[in-house]
Amino acid sequence: MQPMSAFTTDLQHSGIIARNLDETIAFYTRKLGFEVAGIFPKGKNRCAFLRYGHLTIETREGRRLP
């Protein structure tokens, strides 16, 4: 079996559920240096894309997934 590094050199996109999207955005931007790439409606909730260099984090309001 080959290690993951044989197929990729970095992580580009990760998805996270947030209890409070505004607090999550504030944490990533103010504390970690991410930039807001966009905030979009997602059904009744919102979804935000946060970027730090080539890394993009998608975070959305909502409950845990089953």
C-alpha atoms as a PDB file:
ATOM      1  CA  MET A   1       0.000   0.000   0.000  1.00  0.00           C
ATOM      2  CA  GLN A   2       1.342   3.444  -0.927  1.00  0.00           C
ATOM      3  CA  PRO A   3       1.253   6.361   1.522  1.00  0.00           C
ATOM      4  CA  MET A   4      -1.124   9.276   0.906  1.00  0.00           C
ATOM      5  CA  SER A   5       1.879  11.447  -0.034  1.00  0.00           C
ATOM      6  CA  ALA A   6       2.253   9.346  -3.181  1.00  0.00           C
ATOM      7  CA  PHE A   7      -1.032  10.776  -4.449  1.00  0.00           C
ATOM      8  CA  THR A   8      -1.175  14.331  -3.122  1.00  0.00           C
ATOM      9  CA  THR A   9       1.131  17.043  -1.832  1.00  0.00           C
ATOM     10  CA  ASP A  10      -1.325  18.963   0.341  1.00  0.00           C
ATOM     11  CA  LEU A  11      -4.877  19.336   1.616  1.00  0.00           C
ATOM     12  CA  GLN A  12      -6.972  21.776  -0.406  1.00  0.00           C
ATOM     13  CA  HIS A  13     -10.494  21.575   1.003  1.00  0.00           C
ATOM     14  CA  SER A  14     -12.072  20.537   4.294  1.00  0.00           C
ATOM     15  CA  GLY A  15     -15.675  20.847   5.504  1.00  0.00           C
ATOM     16  CA  ILE A  16     -16.712  21.721   9.070  1.00  0.00           C
ATOM     17  CA  ILE A  17     -20.139  22.179  10.672  1.00  0.00           C
ATOM     18  CA  ALA A  18     -20.391  25.279  12.906  1.00  0.00           C
ATOM     19  CA  ARG A  19     -22.853  25.922  15.712  1.00  0.00           C
ATOM     20  CA  ASN A  20     -22.398  29.670  15.203  1.00  0.00           C
ATOM     21  CA  LEU A  21     -21.086  30.659  11.785  1.00  0.00           C
ATOM     22  CA  ASP A  22     -20.256  34.248  12.755  1.00  0.00           C
ATOM     23  CA  GLU A  23     -18.135  33.123  15.720  1.00  0.00           C
ATOM     24  CA  THR A  24     -16.409  30.521  13.558  1.00  0.00           C
ATOM     25  CA  ILE A  25     -15.588  33.099  10.881  1.00  0.00           C
ATOM     26  CA  ALA A  26     -14.250  35.490  13.530  1.00  0.00           C
ATOM     27  CA  PHE A  27     -12.009  32.778  15.027  1.00  0.00           C
ATOM     28  CA  TYR A  28     -10.508  31.706  11.706  1.00  0.00           C
ATOM     29  CA  THR A  29      -9.974  35.256  10.432  1.00  0.00           C
ATOM     30  CA  ARG A  30      -8.870  37.072  13.609  1.00  0.00           C
ATOM     31  CA  LYS A  31      -6.934  34.298  15.345  1.00  0.00           C
ATOM     32  CA  LEU A  32      -5.618  32.156  12.486  1.00  0.00           C
ATOM     33  CA  GLY A  33      -5.271  34.656   9.630  1.00  0.00           C
ATOM     34  CA  PHE A  34      -7.764  33.163   7.159  1.00  0.00           C
ATOM     35  CA  GLU A  35      -9.588  35.379   4.636  1.00  0.00           C
ATOM     36  CA  VAL A  36     -13.298  35.100   3.841  1.00  0.00           C
ATOM     37  CA  ALA A  37     -13.585  33.817   0.275  1.00  0.00           C
ATOM     38  CA  GLY A  38     -17.382  33.955   0.315  1.00  0.00           C
ATOM     39  CA  ILE A  39     -20.543  33.533   2.356  1.00  0.00           C
ATOM     40  CA  PHE A  40     -23.486  31.855   0.640  1.00  0.00           C
ATOM     41  CA  PRO A  41     -27.017  30.724   1.517  1.00  0.00           C
ATOM     42  CA  LYS A  42     -27.386  26.967   1.994  1.00  0.00           C
ATOM     43  CA  GLY A  43     -31.041  26.092   2.439  1.00  0.00           C
ATOM     44  CA  LYS A  44     -32.215  27.812   5.629  1.00  0.00           C
ATOM     45  CA  ASN A  45     -28.614  28.319   6.771  1.00  0.00           C
ATOM     46  CA  ARG A  46     -25.386  29.851   5.458  1.00  0.00           C
ATOM     47  CA  CYS A  47     -22.100  28.452   4.268  1.00  0.00           C
ATOM     48  CA  ALA A  48     -18.725  30.252   4.391  1.00  0.00           C
ATOM     49  CA  PHE A  49     -15.525  29.503   2.516  1.00  0.00           C
ATOM     50  CA  LEU A  50     -12.385  30.576   4.370  1.00  0.00           C
ATOM     51  CA  ARG A  51      -8.995  30.617   2.681  1.00  0.00           C
ATOM     52  CA  TYR A  52      -5.425  30.579   3.962  1.00  0.00           C
ATOM     53  CA  GLY A  53      -3.047  30.347   1.025  1.00  0.00           C
ATOM     54  CA  HIS A  54      -4.183  27.337  -1.010  1.00  0.00           C
ATOM     55  CA  LEU A  55      -6.126  25.780   1.896  1.00  0.00           C
ATOM     56  CA  THR A  56      -9.891  26.328   1.796  1.00  0.00           C
ATOM     57  CA  ILE A  57     -12.193  25.485   4.682  1.00  0.00           C
ATOM     58  CA  GLU A  58     -15.909  25.209   4.064  1.00  0.00           C
ATOM     59  CA  THR A  59     -17.920  25.763   7.212  1.00  0.00           C
ATOM     60  CA  ARG A  60     -21.672  25.783   7.427  1.00  0.00           C
ATOM     61  CA  GLU A  61     -24.366  26.356   9.996  1.00  0.00           C
ATOM     62  CA  GLY A  62     -26.287  23.312  11.038  1.00  0.00           C
ATOM     63  CA  ARG A  63     -26.630  20.269  13.175  1.00  0.00           C
ATOM     64  CA  ARG A  64     -24.360  17.273  13.188  1.00  0.00           C
ATOM     65  CA  LEU A  65     -24.717  14.835  10.351  1.00  0.00           C
ATOM     66  CA  PRO A  66     -25.825  11.306  11.257  1.00  0.00           C
END
